[in-house]
Amino acid sequence: MLIYNKNYHGLPTLFNLFQSPLLRTFLPALISVLPPLFLPSITIDHPWTYQPFSFIVGFGIIFRVNLSYERYWSGITSVRLGISKLADGHDMYESFLPSSSIVNTTSTPNIANPKLPELRNLLTVHLAVHLQSLRLPIPFLSIPFVEVLTPYELSAHETHPLTKHNPKHYTPRLTPTQNLDLCTRLKLVFHNRFDGTFLTLLSQKNPLPILGPLPSKGCPLPSMKKILKHVHSTVFDEHPPIVSRIYQVLSDGELHLQNARRIGSTPFPFAYAQLLTFLLLIFTLTFGLFLEQTIVNPWIARVVTVVTVWTYLSFNEVARELEEVWGAGGGNTARDQYEFCKRLEGE
């Protein structure tokens, strides 16, 4: 998720080099001028017969962009709904379970629910497991899972290295790549897919905040079953409809998060991607040959060839970016986790 400036008719976006599809596709577009230079003697009587093929390639790219955009919004929506449901379950637990349902508060009626901090810790760690699996599956994580976590609350005299604003709380950046050094960010200019090493580095630079103590290395991570057991162990004098509603809301949140993981783990159809890549390769190598048959000036023909092929490749690159919903610089999972912790804290 890139936060960009929309002022001045969007012109500032032209100066954002990182993760720009234009720079990644410019060099491949230049290849389109080579075939007319090496095959200048080819004469085509009817160059406009090439038009149906260009239409087919264009429609294929637009359909891929539409499918990728729908995939992107489905993934983001599932995460936000899952986070909202988990927060709703926490709010119900806090609202319907006063201190009298946990301890005897005859002498101290204002004691807070002592089980609430433990539930917050379980929920934040559980959400962190889901979000980390979206931006990088845990089996491919080359470092312990605990190292991509950070405490949400910091002391008043301690400033987290990733924030320059509020020294009390860890506040993630709006754009995950802002925490990377210049050399690493330059790789984003020409790369779209990243290996596990780079995504692990991105996870380290954008840790997920946790309420309460961090889990120990090697300990089992909290599952929804453990969270429900915790709720069940503290509920014994509330009405069944209230208790069942808490279970239902937490279950709905888990369902949405699992749906997001399903989207993230299911790649775009291979057959569609392979076919479109093959058609784009043919289009790049042959478009200039046909265009120079209609434009007399060869330099103008080459410029038009590069711009046209550049446009096709750029739209295809946009589709590839949208397919990686939580890729490098995609969904800002650290900020989603931070907002979740902030809501549980009631800030």
Protein backbone atom coordinates (compact mmCIF):
# COMPACT_ATOMS: atom_id res chain seq x y z
CA MET A 1 0.00 0.00 0.00
CA LEU A 2 1.70 3.17 -1.20
CA ILE A 3 0.59 6.49 0.21
CA TYR A 4 1.13 9.07 -2.51
CA ASN A 5 0.39 12.72 -3.15
CA LYS A 6 -2.74 13.32 -5.23
CA ASN A 7 -2.31 17.09 -5.49
CA TYR A 8 -1.44 18.95 -8.69
CA HIS A 9 -3.39 16.47 -10.82
CA GLY A 10 -1.23 13.59 -9.63
CA LEU A 11 2.02 14.97 -11.11
CA PRO A 12 4.08 14.22 -7.93
CA THR A 13 3.54 10.50 -8.59
CA LEU A 14 5.82 10.76 -11.63
CA PHE A 15 8.77 11.37 -9.30
CA ASN A 16 8.13 8.29 -7.14
CA LEU A 17 10.67 5.84 -8.52
CA PHE A 18 10.24 3.07 -5.98
CA GLN A 19 7.86 0.32 -7.09
CA SER A 20 7.01 2.25 -10.22
CA PRO A 21 5.90 -0.06 -13.07
CA LEU A 22 7.15 2.46 -15.63
CA LEU A 23 10.83 1.98 -14.86
CA ARG A 24 10.56 -1.80 -14.66
CA THR A 25 9.03 -2.00 -18.12
CA PHE A 26 11.01 0.70 -19.94
CA LEU A 27 14.03 -1.47 -20.77
CA PRO A 28 11.90 -4.38 -22.09
CA ALA A 29 9.97 -1.85 -24.20
CA LEU A 30 13.20 -0.70 -25.86
CA ILE A 31 13.63 -4.20 -27.28
CA SER A 32 10.71 -3.51 -29.62
CA VAL A 33 12.87 -1.21 -31.81
CA LEU A 34 15.47 -3.92 -32.52
CA PRO A 35 13.57 -6.13 -35.03
CA PRO A 36 13.04 -3.27 -37.56
CA LEU A 37 16.77 -2.48 -37.37
CA PHE A 38 17.84 -6.04 -38.20
CA LEU A 39 14.99 -6.82 -40.61
CA PRO A 40 14.56 -3.60 -42.63
CA SER A 41 13.86 -5.32 -45.94
CA ILE A 42 10.60 -6.96 -44.89
CA THR A 43 7.64 -5.47 -46.72
CA ILE A 44 4.07 -6.08 -45.60
CA ASP A 45 1.27 -5.20 -48.00
CA HIS A 46 -1.50 -4.90 -45.45
CA PRO A 47 -0.09 -3.89 -42.03
CA TRP A 48 -3.54 -3.22 -40.61
CA THR A 49 -4.19 -6.95 -40.49
CA TYR A 50 -2.06 -6.83 -37.35
CA GLN A 51 -4.77 -4.87 -35.57
CA PRO A 52 -6.90 -7.87 -34.43
CA PHE A 53 -3.86 -9.37 -32.70
CA SER A 54 -3.13 -6.12 -30.85
CA PHE A 55 -6.79 -5.97 -29.76
CA ILE A 56 -6.60 -9.53 -28.39
CA VAL A 57 -3.46 -8.72 -26.38
CA GLY A 58 -5.00 -5.49 -25.09
CA PHE A 59 -8.22 -7.17 -23.97
CA GLY A 60 -6.22 -9.94 -22.30
CA ILE A 61 -4.24 -7.39 -20.29
CA ILE A 62 -7.33 -5.42 -19.23
CA PHE A 63 -9.11 -8.58 -18.12
CA ARG A 64 -6.06 -9.52 -16.07
CA VAL A 65 -6.00 -6.09 -14.44
CA ASN A 66 -9.70 -6.39 -13.56
CA LEU A 67 -9.25 -9.86 -12.07
CA SER A 68 -6.18 -8.75 -10.13
CA TYR A 69 -7.96 -5.67 -8.81
CA GLU A 70 -10.86 -7.82 -7.63
CA ARG A 71 -8.38 -10.20 -5.99
CA TYR A 72 -6.62 -7.26 -4.30
CA TRP A 73 -9.81 -5.82 -2.82
CA SER A 74 -11.05 -9.24 -1.72
CA GLY A 75 -7.83 -9.82 0.20
CA ILE A 76 -7.75 -6.39 1.82
CA THR A 77 -11.46 -6.59 2.70
CA SER A 78 -11.04 -10.03 4.29
CA VAL A 79 -8.21 -8.77 6.51
CA ARG A 80 -10.10 -5.67 7.61
CA LEU A 81 -13.26 -7.66 8.33
CA GLY A 82 -11.27 -10.23 10.29
CA ILE A 83 -9.62 -7.54 12.38
CA SER A 84 -12.95 -5.84 12.99
CA LYS A 85 -14.59 -9.08 14.12
CA LEU A 86 -11.77 -9.91 16.52
CA ALA A 87 -12.02 -6.42 17.98
CA ASP A 88 -15.81 -6.78 18.30
CA GLY A 89 -15.35 -10.04 20.19
CA HIS A 90 -12.93 -8.32 22.55
CA ASP A 91 -15.35 -5.44 23.10
CA MET A 92 -18.20 -7.84 23.88
CA TYR A 93 -15.99 -9.74 26.29
CA GLU A 94 -15.03 -6.50 28.03
CA SER A 95 -18.57 -5.08 28.09
CA PHE A 96 -20.53 -8.13 29.17
CA LEU A 97 -18.02 -9.51 31.62
CA PRO A 98 -17.62 -7.09 34.52
CA SER A 99 -15.24 -7.76 37.35
CA SER A 100 -17.99 -9.38 39.41
CA SER A 101 -18.10 -12.29 36.98
CA ILE A 102 -14.44 -13.09 37.64
CA VAL A 103 -13.71 -12.28 41.25
CA ASN A 104 -15.63 -11.40 44.37
CA THR A 105 -15.86 -7.62 44.29
CA THR A 106 -17.94 -7.06 47.40
CA SER A 107 -15.24 -4.97 49.02
CA THR A 108 -13.62 -3.61 45.85
CA PRO A 109 -16.33 -3.19 43.22
CA ASN A 110 -14.13 -1.23 40.77
CA ILE A 111 -11.55 -3.94 40.12
CA ALA A 112 -11.01 -4.38 36.39
CA ASN A 113 -11.32 -7.71 34.68
CA PRO A 114 -8.00 -9.43 35.46
CA LYS A 115 -8.34 -11.77 32.46
CA LEU A 116 -8.66 -8.93 29.92
CA PRO A 117 -4.91 -8.28 29.42
CA GLU A 118 -4.35 -11.97 28.79
CA LEU A 119 -7.10 -12.04 26.16
CA ARG A 120 -5.61 -8.96 24.48
CA ASN A 121 -2.24 -10.66 24.35
CA LEU A 122 -3.73 -13.81 22.84
CA LEU A 123 -5.69 -11.85 20.23
CA THR A 124 -2.76 -9.66 19.12
CA VAL A 125 -0.35 -12.59 18.86
CA HIS A 126 -2.95 -14.63 16.97
CA LEU A 127 -3.54 -11.78 14.51
CA ALA A 128 0.23 -11.34 14.11
CA VAL A 129 0.51 -14.99 13.08
CA HIS A 130 -2.07 -14.44 10.34
CA LEU A 131 -0.58 -11.16 9.09
CA GLN A 132 2.96 -12.52 9.05
CA SER A 133 1.81 -15.53 7.04
CA LEU A 134 0.32 -13.12 4.51
CA ARG A 135 3.44 -11.05 3.91
CA LEU A 136 5.76 -14.05 4.28
CA PRO A 137 4.72 -17.63 5.12
CA ILE A 138 6.18 -18.66 8.46
CA PRO A 139 7.84 -21.87 7.05
CA PHE A 140 9.87 -19.62 4.71
CA LEU A 141 10.82 -17.23 7.51
CA SER A 142 14.58 -17.55 8.03
CA ILE A 143 14.41 -15.97 11.50
CA PRO A 144 12.34 -16.87 14.60
CA PHE A 145 8.80 -15.57 14.50
CA VAL A 146 9.38 -13.67 17.74
CA GLU A 147 11.91 -11.43 15.98
CA VAL A 148 9.22 -9.89 13.78
CA LEU A 149 7.24 -8.79 16.86
CA THR A 150 7.66 -5.72 19.02
CA PRO A 151 5.95 -4.51 22.23
CA TYR A 152 3.18 -2.03 21.57
CA GLU A 153 3.80 -0.01 24.72
CA LEU A 154 7.19 1.62 25.17
CA SER A 155 8.50 3.53 28.13
CA ALA A 156 8.20 7.30 28.06
CA HIS A 157 12.00 7.67 27.71
CA GLU A 158 12.45 5.07 24.98
CA THR A 159 12.04 5.84 21.29
CA HIS A 160 11.52 3.00 18.87
CA PRO A 161 14.03 3.13 15.98
CA LEU A 162 11.22 2.93 13.43
CA THR A 163 9.34 6.03 14.56
CA LYS A 164 10.22 9.65 15.05
CA HIS A 165 6.84 10.85 16.26
CA ASN A 166 5.37 9.48 19.48
CA PRO A 167 8.04 8.06 21.82
CA LYS A 168 5.42 6.26 23.93
CA HIS A 169 4.00 4.01 21.24
CA TYR A 170 5.40 2.24 18.24
CA THR A 171 3.83 3.82 15.17
CA PRO A 172 4.48 2.06 11.84
CA ARG A 173 5.23 4.10 8.76
CA LEU A 174 2.50 4.61 6.19
CA THR A 175 4.67 2.90 3.56
CA PRO A 176 6.63 -0.22 4.61
CA THR A 177 9.57 0.55 2.28
CA GLN A 178 10.34 3.79 4.16
CA ASN A 179 12.14 1.71 6.78
CA LEU A 180 14.60 0.26 4.25
CA ASP A 181 17.98 1.69 3.37
CA LEU A 182 18.54 3.36 0.00
CA CYS A 183 20.40 0.43 -1.55
CA THR A 184 17.62 -2.00 -0.70
CA ARG A 185 14.92 0.40 -1.85
CA LEU A 186 16.63 0.76 -5.22
CA LYS A 187 16.00 -2.93 -5.81
CA LEU A 188 12.31 -2.11 -5.79
CA VAL A 189 12.76 -0.09 -8.96
CA PHE A 190 13.46 -3.09 -11.16
CA HIS A 191 12.09 -6.01 -9.14
CA ASN A 192 8.52 -7.07 -8.49
CA ARG A 193 8.90 -10.54 -6.98
CA PHE A 194 11.26 -10.92 -4.07
CA ASP A 195 12.86 -13.94 -2.51
CA GLY A 196 12.46 -14.97 1.10
CA THR A 197 15.59 -13.07 2.17
CA PHE A 198 14.21 -9.72 1.07
CA LEU A 199 10.74 -10.33 2.49
CA THR A 200 12.30 -11.45 5.77
CA LEU A 201 14.23 -8.18 5.89
CA LEU A 202 11.03 -6.28 5.19
CA SER A 203 9.36 -8.12 8.08
CA GLN A 204 12.21 -7.22 10.43
CA LYS A 205 12.06 -3.55 9.45
CA ASN A 206 8.27 -3.50 9.96
CA PRO A 207 7.63 -5.55 13.14
CA LEU A 208 4.14 -6.33 14.36
CA PRO A 209 3.23 -4.70 17.72
CA ILE A 210 1.90 -6.95 20.47
CA LEU A 211 -0.05 -6.09 23.62
CA GLY A 212 1.47 -7.75 26.65
CA PRO A 213 4.47 -10.07 26.77
CA LEU A 214 6.00 -11.45 23.61
CA PRO A 215 5.78 -15.23 23.13
CA SER A 216 8.89 -17.19 23.96
CA LYS A 217 10.97 -18.82 21.25
CA GLY A 218 9.80 -22.33 20.51
CA CYS A 219 6.52 -22.03 22.40
CA PRO A 220 3.28 -22.93 20.58
CA LEU A 221 1.57 -19.93 19.05
CA PRO A 222 -1.97 -19.18 20.29
CA SER A 223 -4.74 -20.55 18.11
CA MET A 224 -8.40 -19.63 18.02
CA LYS A 225 -9.10 -22.79 20.05
CA LYS A 226 -6.90 -21.47 22.85
CA ILE A 227 -8.62 -18.08 22.72
CA LEU A 228 -12.06 -19.70 22.97
CA LYS A 229 -10.88 -21.82 25.87
CA HIS A 230 -9.71 -18.67 27.62
CA VAL A 231 -13.12 -17.06 27.09
CA HIS A 232 -14.86 -20.22 28.28
CA SER A 233 -12.76 -20.38 31.46
CA THR A 234 -13.82 -16.88 32.50
CA VAL A 235 -17.50 -17.13 31.65
CA PHE A 236 -19.72 -18.90 34.11
CA ASP A 237 -22.58 -16.63 35.15
CA GLU A 238 -23.60 -14.81 31.97
CA HIS A 239 -26.60 -15.63 29.82
CA PRO A 240 -25.97 -18.18 27.05
CA PRO A 241 -27.07 -15.82 24.22
CA ILE A 242 -24.38 -13.33 25.24
CA VAL A 243 -21.68 -15.97 25.53
CA SER A 244 -22.61 -17.62 22.23
CA ARG A 245 -22.48 -14.24 20.48
CA ILE A 246 -18.87 -13.75 21.60
CA TYR A 247 -17.98 -17.17 20.18
CA GLN A 248 -19.74 -16.38 16.91
CA VAL A 249 -18.02 -13.02 16.39
CA LEU A 250 -14.58 -14.46 17.09
CA SER A 251 -15.33 -17.36 14.77
CA ASP A 252 -16.36 -14.92 12.01
CA GLY A 253 -13.08 -13.04 12.45
CA GLU A 254 -11.11 -16.26 12.11
CA LEU A 255 -13.10 -17.14 8.97
CA HIS A 256 -12.24 -13.83 7.30
CA LEU A 257 -8.56 -14.14 8.18
CA GLN A 258 -8.44 -17.68 6.84
CA ASN A 259 -10.08 -16.43 3.64
CA ALA A 260 -7.34 -13.80 3.33
CA ARG A 261 -4.69 -16.49 3.74
CA ARG A 262 -6.43 -18.55 1.07
CA ILE A 263 -6.23 -15.62 -1.33
CA GLY A 264 -2.59 -14.99 -0.50
CA SER A 265 -1.58 -18.65 -0.93
CA THR A 266 -3.49 -19.15 -4.20
CA PRO A 267 -1.51 -17.75 -7.14
CA PHE A 268 -3.00 -16.19 -10.22
CA PRO A 269 -3.91 -18.92 -12.77
CA PHE A 270 -0.73 -20.14 -14.42
CA ALA A 271 -2.30 -20.77 -17.82
CA TYR A 272 -3.58 -17.18 -18.09
CA ALA A 273 -0.26 -15.69 -16.97
CA GLN A 274 1.78 -17.88 -19.34
CA LEU A 275 -0.44 -17.19 -22.34
CA LEU A 276 -0.41 -13.45 -21.78
CA THR A 277 3.37 -13.41 -21.32
CA PHE A 278 3.78 -15.30 -24.60
CA LEU A 279 1.47 -12.91 -26.46
CA LEU A 280 3.26 -9.88 -25.03
CA LEU A 281 6.59 -11.29 -26.18
CA ILE A 282 5.29 -11.72 -29.73
CA PHE A 283 3.73 -8.25 -29.61
CA THR A 284 6.99 -6.67 -28.45
CA LEU A 285 9.03 -8.30 -31.24
CA THR A 286 6.59 -7.75 -34.10
CA PHE A 287 4.77 -4.46 -33.46
CA GLY A 288 7.60 -2.29 -34.77
CA LEU A 289 7.79 -4.25 -38.04
CA PHE A 290 4.18 -3.49 -38.88
CA LEU A 291 4.20 0.09 -37.64
CA GLU A 292 7.14 1.13 -39.83
CA GLN A 293 5.08 0.12 -42.86
CA THR A 294 2.60 2.91 -42.16
CA ILE A 295 4.83 5.70 -40.75
CA VAL A 296 7.37 7.08 -43.22
CA ASN A 297 9.70 8.72 -40.72
CA PRO A 298 11.60 5.85 -39.03
CA TRP A 299 12.37 7.82 -35.86
CA ILE A 300 8.75 8.70 -35.29
CA ALA A 301 7.84 5.06 -35.90
CA ARG A 302 10.37 3.90 -33.31
CA VAL A 303 9.13 6.38 -30.70
CA VAL A 304 5.52 5.32 -31.25
CA THR A 305 6.58 1.67 -31.09
CA VAL A 306 8.35 2.09 -27.75
CA VAL A 307 5.50 4.11 -26.22
CA THR A 308 2.86 1.60 -27.34
CA VAL A 309 4.75 -1.47 -26.16
CA TRP A 310 5.66 0.39 -22.95
CA THR A 311 1.96 1.01 -22.31
CA TYR A 312 1.04 -2.65 -22.80
CA LEU A 313 3.85 -3.88 -20.56
CA SER A 314 3.09 -1.30 -17.86
CA PHE A 315 -0.55 -2.35 -17.59
CA ASN A 316 0.56 -5.96 -17.33
CA GLU A 317 3.00 -4.97 -14.57
CA VAL A 318 0.18 -3.21 -12.71
CA ALA A 319 -1.79 -6.46 -12.81
CA ARG A 320 1.21 -8.39 -11.44
CA GLU A 321 1.52 -5.86 -8.61
CA LEU A 322 -2.15 -6.20 -7.68
CA GLU A 323 -1.90 -9.98 -7.66
CA GLU A 324 0.67 -9.76 -4.84
CA VAL A 325 -1.74 -8.25 -2.32
CA TRP A 326 0.71 -8.38 0.60
CA GLY A 327 3.94 -8.35 -1.37
CA ALA A 328 6.79 -5.90 -0.90
CA GLY A 329 5.16 -2.58 -0.14
CA GLY A 330 1.69 -4.04 -0.60
CA GLY A 331 -0.77 -4.22 2.28
CA ASN A 332 0.77 -2.51 5.32
CA THR A 333 0.26 -5.35 7.77
CA ALA A 334 2.28 -3.64 10.51
CA ARG A 335 -0.04 -0.66 10.49
CA ASP A 336 -3.11 -2.93 10.52
CA GLN A 337 -1.70 -4.66 13.59
CA TYR A 338 -0.96 -1.31 15.20
CA GLU A 339 -4.51 -0.05 14.64
CA PHE A 340 -5.85 -3.29 16.12
CA CYS A 341 -3.75 -2.84 19.28
CA LYS A 342 -4.80 0.78 19.48
CA ARG A 343 -8.49 -0.17 19.35
CA LEU A 344 -8.10 -2.83 22.04
CA GLU A 345 -6.42 -0.28 24.25
CA GLY A 346 -9.39 2.04 23.71
CA GLU A 347 -7.26 4.94 22.46
